[in-house]
């Protein structure tokens, strides 16, 4: 859907659309997604079936790797997709390899839906939306309008659909991972940091289409946005700082070091220390102490302290940063203490009750 140029609050919104179409009536619906993963397939298919209110006998897809095994495999569908089909008692079908002409009805609907959406966006006068929810509602409105002329044939299809199961199947995958000595886990070919107290422990991952839950001891300890693609990383310095501060020598060659500079001023402070005579080891040790201070107190307060120190070309260290924070707190306390609140004279309201006829009421 990138070619349509949709933006959310001015930011480019690259996304995909799971597109579901009934071949006879061409009734259609869709779900926003961001990858051709099983989680997106499961969520999109189940959303469509529950919106439709019934289950068809067959579901045909192309050779999506999340659903279909490679051509030489003895098993036709992946275990997760087979379980999804079994839950809804649907027979799975797939197109043949290297046969883009097959399943032409849905291919044509892809083209026609994108063209209809493009025209709706032009009529709207803007491709920018306040939020993702606003954009999703815009899509739902378009689907309802397109489906309005298909009621007759849809009624024939609804008459032969099977009933839905008692509940939806959870649209997620469960995985287990061991937390490394660097306080990270590897999930679906991407790296995420977790709290350092979990180092060496096994955690359960609930992998959803757009986020993942990290569970330990049966409890959800953290929810993270899911990374797209492979070999990406999501490192939060608060997770690893208590571990890393004990090994300052590891900082300079740390694989995800860029994630340890939460703002540009933190990076400027580290560079400032190295430029003013500090060795790499001492600069790393001092910087990690500052970062630990930010993790345990306030990142914003530390950032403001660094801004003042750098602006006045003063020495940067955890001691000077702490002094600046204390000075800022003292100034705020003084401002609060010196605030003067003028008492409100409530007698002016009594005049509204005692004013004599014809007397002009002063505005309050």
Protein backbone atom coordinates (compact mmCIF):
# COMPACT_ATOMS: atom_id res chain seq x y z
CA UNK A 1 0.00 0.00 0.00
CA UNK A 2 3.05 2.31 0.04
CA UNK A 3 2.32 3.55 -3.49
CA UNK A 4 -0.81 5.34 -2.21
CA UNK A 5 1.29 7.78 -0.16
CA UNK A 6 -0.77 7.61 3.04
CA UNK A 7 0.69 9.49 6.02
CA UNK A 8 -0.25 9.51 9.71
CA UNK A 9 0.21 12.89 11.43
CA UNK A 10 2.55 13.88 8.64
CA UNK A 11 4.72 10.75 8.86
CA UNK A 12 4.94 8.22 6.05
CA UNK A 13 2.81 5.15 6.84
CA UNK A 14 4.23 2.13 5.04
CA UNK A 15 1.90 -0.82 5.46
CA UNK A 16 0.25 -3.84 3.86
CA UNK A 17 -3.39 -4.90 3.74
CA UNK A 18 -4.69 -8.39 4.34
CA UNK A 19 -7.45 -8.59 1.71
CA UNK A 20 -10.31 -11.10 2.02
CA UNK A 21 -12.75 -11.64 -0.87
CA UNK A 22 -15.67 -14.05 -1.42
CA UNK A 23 -15.29 -15.33 -4.98
CA UNK A 24 -19.02 -15.41 -5.86
CA UNK A 25 -20.35 -12.12 -4.48
CA UNK A 26 -16.98 -10.33 -4.30
CA UNK A 27 -17.83 -9.20 -0.77
CA UNK A 28 -14.55 -7.94 0.64
CA UNK A 29 -12.89 -6.65 3.78
CA UNK A 30 -9.35 -6.09 5.00
CA UNK A 31 -7.02 -5.59 7.95
CA UNK A 32 -3.98 -3.32 8.14
CA UNK A 33 -0.76 -5.28 8.67
CA UNK A 34 2.98 -4.81 8.27
CA UNK A 35 4.40 -8.14 7.17
CA UNK A 36 3.40 -11.37 5.42
CA UNK A 37 3.67 -13.28 8.70
CA UNK A 38 1.39 -15.98 10.07
CA UNK A 39 0.24 -13.59 12.79
CA UNK A 40 -0.97 -11.09 10.17
CA UNK A 41 -2.61 -13.90 8.18
CA UNK A 42 -4.35 -15.29 11.26
CA UNK A 43 -5.56 -11.90 12.50
CA UNK A 44 -6.76 -10.84 9.05
CA UNK A 45 -8.57 -14.09 8.26
CA UNK A 46 -10.26 -14.26 11.65
CA UNK A 47 -11.32 -10.60 11.51
CA UNK A 48 -12.90 -11.28 8.12
CA UNK A 49 -14.76 -14.41 9.22
CA UNK A 50 -16.19 -12.80 12.35
CA UNK A 51 -17.21 -9.69 10.41
CA UNK A 52 -18.84 -11.95 7.80
CA UNK A 53 -20.60 -13.95 10.49
CA UNK A 54 -19.92 -17.37 8.96
CA UNK A 55 -17.30 -19.75 7.63
CA UNK A 56 -16.91 -20.82 3.98
CA UNK A 57 -15.97 -24.35 3.03
CA UNK A 58 -12.59 -23.44 1.53
CA UNK A 59 -9.90 -20.81 1.92
CA UNK A 60 -7.44 -20.24 -0.92
CA UNK A 61 -4.20 -18.33 -0.58
CA UNK A 62 -1.07 -17.93 -2.64
CA UNK A 63 2.15 -19.65 -1.65
CA UNK A 64 2.69 -17.49 1.41
CA UNK A 65 5.59 -18.98 3.38
CA UNK A 66 3.70 -18.40 6.63
CA UNK A 67 1.01 -20.81 5.40
CA UNK A 68 2.47 -23.06 2.69
CA UNK A 69 5.56 -25.25 2.90
CA UNK A 70 8.14 -25.24 0.13
CA UNK A 71 7.25 -27.12 -3.02
CA UNK A 72 9.31 -30.23 -2.20
CA UNK A 73 7.94 -30.61 1.33
CA UNK A 74 5.87 -33.72 2.10
CA UNK A 75 3.55 -31.62 4.29
CA UNK A 76 1.36 -29.13 2.44
CA UNK A 77 0.71 -26.46 5.08
CA UNK A 78 2.63 -25.16 8.08
CA UNK A 79 1.53 -26.45 11.52
CA UNK A 80 0.19 -23.06 12.63
CA UNK A 81 -1.85 -22.56 9.47
CA UNK A 82 -3.16 -26.15 9.61
CA UNK A 83 -4.29 -25.52 13.20
CA UNK A 84 -6.04 -22.31 12.12
CA UNK A 85 -7.89 -24.11 9.30
CA UNK A 86 -8.80 -26.96 11.66
CA UNK A 87 -10.21 -24.57 14.25
CA UNK A 88 -12.66 -23.15 11.69
CA UNK A 89 -13.14 -26.50 9.88
CA UNK A 90 -12.00 -24.96 6.56
CA UNK A 91 -10.32 -26.82 3.71
CA UNK A 92 -7.10 -25.09 2.70
CA UNK A 93 -6.20 -24.50 -0.95
CA UNK A 94 -3.18 -22.84 -2.52
CA UNK A 95 -2.03 -21.68 -5.91
CA UNK A 96 0.66 -23.54 -7.80
CA UNK A 97 4.23 -22.35 -7.72
CA UNK A 98 5.14 -19.61 -10.21
CA UNK A 99 1.52 -19.26 -11.33
CA UNK A 100 0.56 -15.61 -10.77
CA UNK A 101 -2.42 -15.97 -13.11
CA UNK A 102 -4.19 -18.33 -10.68
CA UNK A 103 -6.68 -17.06 -8.11
CA UNK A 104 -7.40 -14.23 -10.52
CA UNK A 105 -10.55 -13.01 -8.78
CA UNK A 106 -8.66 -11.85 -5.72
CA UNK A 107 -5.84 -10.45 -7.87
CA UNK A 108 -8.37 -8.35 -9.78
CA UNK A 109 -9.98 -7.19 -6.54
CA UNK A 110 -6.54 -6.12 -5.24
CA UNK A 111 -6.15 -3.88 -8.27
CA UNK A 112 -9.69 -2.50 -8.20
CA UNK A 113 -9.69 -1.87 -4.45
CA UNK A 114 -6.41 0.07 -4.56
CA UNK A 115 -7.75 2.12 -7.46
CA UNK A 116 -10.98 2.84 -5.56
CA UNK A 117 -9.00 3.81 -2.46
CA UNK A 118 -6.74 6.08 -4.48
CA UNK A 119 -9.81 7.86 -5.91
CA UNK A 120 -11.35 8.23 -2.42
CA UNK A 121 -8.12 9.79 -1.17
CA UNK A 122 -8.11 12.24 -4.08
CA UNK A 123 -11.72 13.21 -3.35
CA UNK A 124 -10.84 13.61 0.33
CA UNK A 125 -8.25 16.18 -0.65
CA UNK A 126 -5.58 14.85 1.68
CA UNK A 127 -3.73 11.59 2.23
CA UNK A 128 -2.79 12.53 5.78
CA UNK A 129 -4.77 11.16 8.75
CA UNK A 130 -4.76 12.21 12.39
CA UNK A 131 -4.22 8.67 13.62
CA UNK A 132 -4.06 5.10 12.46
CA UNK A 133 -7.55 4.56 13.90
CA UNK A 134 -8.92 7.37 11.70
CA UNK A 135 -7.34 5.76 8.63
CA UNK A 136 -8.71 2.32 9.56
CA UNK A 137 -12.21 3.79 9.86
CA UNK A 138 -11.76 5.40 6.44
CA UNK A 139 -10.97 1.95 5.01
CA UNK A 140 -13.98 0.36 6.75
CA UNK A 141 -16.26 3.04 5.31
CA UNK A 142 -14.91 2.32 1.81
CA UNK A 143 -15.43 -1.43 2.22
CA UNK A 144 -19.03 -0.85 3.36
CA UNK A 145 -19.71 1.33 0.33
CA UNK A 146 -18.16 -1.17 -2.10
CA UNK A 147 -20.13 -4.03 -0.53
CA UNK A 148 -23.46 -2.17 -0.67
CA UNK A 149 -24.17 -3.37 -4.23
CA UNK A 150 -23.35 -7.01 -3.46
CA UNK A 151 -26.16 -7.74 -1.03
CA UNK A 152 -28.08 -10.07 -3.36
CA UNK A 153 -25.27 -12.50 -4.09
CA UNK A 154 -23.94 -12.19 -0.55
CA UNK A 155 -27.30 -13.39 0.77
CA UNK A 156 -26.94 -16.55 -1.35
CA UNK A 157 -23.47 -17.17 0.09
CA UNK A 158 -24.51 -16.48 3.68
CA UNK A 159 -27.20 -19.14 3.33
CA UNK A 160 -24.59 -21.86 2.83
CA UNK A 161 -21.87 -20.66 5.23
CA UNK A 162 -21.19 -22.73 8.33
CA UNK A 163 -21.50 -21.22 11.79
CA UNK A 164 -18.51 -19.74 13.58
CA UNK A 165 -16.79 -21.64 16.40
CA UNK A 166 -17.43 -20.67 20.00
CA UNK A 167 -14.34 -18.44 20.13
CA UNK A 168 -11.51 -17.03 18.08
CA UNK A 169 -8.14 -18.73 17.97
CA UNK A 170 -5.44 -16.64 19.61
CA UNK A 171 -3.60 -14.81 16.83
CA UNK A 172 -0.12 -15.19 18.24
CA UNK A 173 2.81 -17.56 18.44
CA UNK A 174 4.46 -18.73 21.64
CA UNK A 175 8.22 -19.07 21.83
CA UNK A 176 10.80 -19.58 24.55
CA UNK A 177 14.10 -17.77 24.74
CA UNK A 178 17.02 -17.63 27.14
CA UNK A 179 18.20 -14.19 28.26
CA UNK A 180 21.86 -13.76 27.30
CA UNK A 181 24.60 -12.34 29.51
CA UNK A 182 24.11 -9.08 27.58
CA UNK A 183 20.48 -8.97 28.81
CA UNK A 184 19.03 -9.62 25.35
CA UNK A 185 16.78 -12.21 23.73
CA UNK A 186 16.62 -13.34 20.12
CA UNK A 187 13.09 -13.57 18.75
CA UNK A 188 12.17 -14.27 15.13
CA UNK A 189 15.66 -13.24 13.90
CA UNK A 190 15.62 -9.94 15.81
CA UNK A 191 17.23 -8.86 19.10
CA UNK A 192 15.42 -7.24 22.05
CA UNK A 193 16.74 -6.12 25.42
CA UNK A 194 15.03 -7.16 28.66
CA UNK A 195 15.60 -6.31 32.30
CA UNK A 196 19.06 -7.36 33.47
CA UNK A 197 17.61 -9.23 36.44
CA UNK A 198 16.46 -11.89 33.93
CA UNK A 199 19.97 -12.69 32.69
CA UNK A 200 20.37 -16.46 32.44
CA UNK A 201 16.61 -17.12 32.81
CA UNK A 202 14.21 -18.58 30.25
CA UNK A 203 11.25 -16.40 29.29
CA UNK A 204 8.14 -17.11 27.22
CA UNK A 205 7.42 -14.84 24.28
CA UNK A 206 3.90 -14.19 23.03
CA UNK A 207 4.47 -12.99 19.48
CA UNK A 208 1.58 -10.91 18.11
CA UNK A 209 1.36 -9.25 14.71
CA UNK A 210 2.52 -5.85 15.98
CA UNK A 211 3.92 -6.42 19.46
CA UNK A 212 5.35 -9.10 21.68
CA UNK A 213 4.82 -9.87 25.36
CA UNK A 214 7.72 -11.07 27.50
CA UNK A 215 6.43 -13.40 30.22
CA UNK A 216 8.30 -14.82 33.20
CA UNK A 217 6.83 -17.02 35.90
CA UNK A 218 3.43 -16.83 34.22
CA UNK A 219 3.37 -13.02 34.41
CA UNK A 220 3.69 -10.49 31.60
CA UNK A 221 6.75 -8.46 32.60
CA UNK A 222 7.02 -6.29 29.49
CA UNK A 223 5.34 -5.48 26.18
CA UNK A 224 7.46 -4.36 23.22
CA UNK A 225 6.71 -3.22 19.67
CA UNK A 226 7.55 -5.99 17.22
CA UNK A 227 10.39 -5.34 14.82
CA UNK A 228 9.84 -5.98 11.12
CA UNK A 229 12.26 -7.85 8.91
CA UNK A 230 15.36 -9.61 10.22
CA UNK A 231 18.57 -8.74 12.09
CA UNK A 232 17.09 -5.65 13.68
CA UNK A 233 17.42 -4.67 17.33
CA UNK A 234 15.44 -2.83 20.00
CA UNK A 235 17.72 -1.98 22.91
CA UNK A 236 16.55 0.06 25.91
CA UNK A 237 19.44 1.37 27.96
CA UNK A 238 17.50 1.08 31.23
CA UNK A 239 17.52 -2.70 30.79
CA UNK A 240 21.28 -3.09 30.49
CA UNK A 241 22.87 -0.12 32.24
CA UNK A 242 23.26 -1.82 35.63
CA UNK A 243 25.03 -4.71 33.90
CA UNK A 244 27.12 -2.54 31.57
CA UNK A 245 28.28 -0.09 34.25
CA UNK A 246 30.24 -2.95 35.82
CA UNK A 247 32.06 -3.54 32.52
CA UNK A 248 32.99 -0.09 31.15
CA UNK A 249 35.62 -1.63 28.89
CA UNK A 250 32.85 -3.31 26.91
CA UNK A 251 31.18 0.02 26.08
CA UNK A 252 33.46 1.13 23.24
CA UNK A 253 32.92 -2.09 21.25
CA UNK A 254 29.35 -2.73 22.33
CA UNK A 255 27.39 -3.92 19.30
CA UNK A 256 24.35 -1.75 20.04
CA UNK A 257 26.21 1.26 21.40
CA UNK A 258 24.12 3.80 19.46
CA UNK A 259 21.09 2.75 21.52
CA UNK A 260 22.91 4.00 24.64
CA UNK A 261 22.62 7.64 23.58
CA UNK A 262 18.95 8.50 24.32
CA UNK A 263 19.36 12.10 23.04
CA UNK A 264 21.98 13.91 20.99
CA UNK A 265 23.21 15.71 24.12
CA UNK A 266 24.20 12.42 25.72
CA UNK A 267 26.35 11.70 22.67
CA UNK A 268 27.79 15.24 22.81
CA UNK A 269 28.65 14.76 26.49
CA UNK A 270 30.54 11.53 25.77
CA UNK A 271 32.45 13.15 22.90
CA UNK A 272 33.15 16.20 25.10
CA UNK A 273 34.80 14.05 27.76
CA UNK A 274 37.02 12.33 25.20
CA UNK A 275 37.99 15.62 23.57
CA UNK A 276 39.03 17.11 26.91
CA UNK A 277 41.67 14.63 27.89
CA UNK A 278 39.76 11.63 29.17
CA UNK A 279 40.91 8.21 28.01
CA UNK A 280 38.39 5.93 26.35
CA UNK A 281 38.16 3.84 29.52
CA UNK A 282 37.64 6.81 31.86
CA UNK A 283 35.23 8.52 29.43
CA UNK A 284 33.18 5.31 29.13
CA UNK A 285 33.15 4.84 32.91
CA UNK A 286 32.05 8.43 33.52
CA UNK A 287 29.45 8.36 30.75
CA UNK A 288 27.92 5.10 31.96
CA UNK A 289 27.62 6.60 35.45
CA UNK A 290 25.71 9.54 33.93
CA UNK A 291 23.49 7.15 31.96
CA UNK A 292 22.80 5.13 35.12
CA UNK A 293 21.83 8.37 36.87
CA UNK A 294 19.35 9.06 34.05
CA UNK A 295 17.92 5.54 34.31
CA UNK A 296 17.40 5.76 38.08
CA UNK A 297 16.24 9.38 38.31
CA UNK A 298 15.05 11.38 35.29
CA UNK A 299 16.34 11.28 31.74
CA UNK A 300 14.87 14.73 31.10
CA UNK A 301 16.60 16.27 34.13
CA UNK A 302 19.95 14.77 33.12
CA UNK A 303 19.48 15.98 29.55
CA UNK A 304 18.82 19.55 30.75
CA UNK A 305 21.85 19.41 33.05
CA UNK A 306 24.07 18.28 30.16
CA UNK A 307 22.70 21.09 28.01
CA UNK A 308 23.72 23.71 30.60
CA UNK A 309 27.15 22.18 31.20
CA UNK A 310 27.95 21.99 27.50
CA UNK A 311 26.65 25.50 26.82
CA UNK A 312 28.99 26.96 29.46
CA UNK A 313 31.93 24.70 28.51
CA UNK A 314 32.05 23.22 31.98
CA UNK A 315 33.45 19.82 32.92
CA UNK A 316 31.04 16.94 32.36
CA UNK A 317 30.92 14.22 35.00
CA UNK A 318 28.34 12.46 37.09
CA UNK A 319 29.18 14.84 39.96
CA UNK A 320 28.64 18.04 37.93
CA UNK A 321 25.44 16.61 36.43
CA UNK A 322 24.15 15.78 39.92
CA UNK A 323 24.99 19.31 41.08
CA UNK A 324 23.08 20.82 38.16
CA UNK A 325 20.04 18.67 38.88
CA UNK A 326 20.13 19.65 42.56
CA UNK A 327 20.45 23.32 41.58
CA UNK A 328 17.46 23.02 39.24
CA UNK A 329 15.39 21.39 41.97
CA UNK A 330 16.36 24.15 44.41
CA UNK A 331 15.31 26.84 41.92
CA UNK A 332 11.94 25.16 41.42
CA UNK A 333 11.48 24.89 45.19
CA UNK A 334 12.24 28.60 45.59
CA UNK A 335 9.77 29.51 42.86
CA UNK A 336 7.09 27.46 44.54
CA UNK A 337 7.87 28.95 47.94
CA UNK A 338 7.77 32.55 46.65
CA UNK A 339 4.49 32.13 44.82
CA UNK A 340 1.85 34.56 46.08
CA UNK A 341 -1.79 33.57 45.85
CA UNK A 342 -4.15 36.54 46.01
CA UNK A 343 -7.26 35.71 48.07
CA UNK A 344 -10.52 35.82 46.17
CA UNK A 345 -13.12 38.30 47.38
CA UNK A 346 -16.33 36.30 47.32
CA UNK A 347 -18.46 39.29 48.38
CA UNK A 348 -18.79 40.36 44.74
CA UNK A 349 -21.04 37.36 44.18
CA UNK A 350 -23.35 38.46 47.02
CA UNK A 351 -24.22 41.55 45.02
CA UNK A 352 -25.96 39.36 42.48
CA UNK A 353 -28.45 38.41 45.18
CA UNK A 354 -28.90 41.86 46.75
CA UNK A 355 -28.82 44.15 43.72
CA UNK A 356 -31.80 46.44 43.57
CA UNK A 357 -34.00 46.73 40.54
CA UNK A 358 -32.50 48.85 37.79
CA UNK A 359 -28.98 48.77 39.25
CA UNK A 360 -26.39 47.83 36.72
CA UNK A 361 -24.51 44.64 37.62
CA UNK A 362 -20.76 44.94 37.26
CA UNK A 363 -19.15 42.11 35.41
CA UNK A 364 -16.91 39.87 37.44
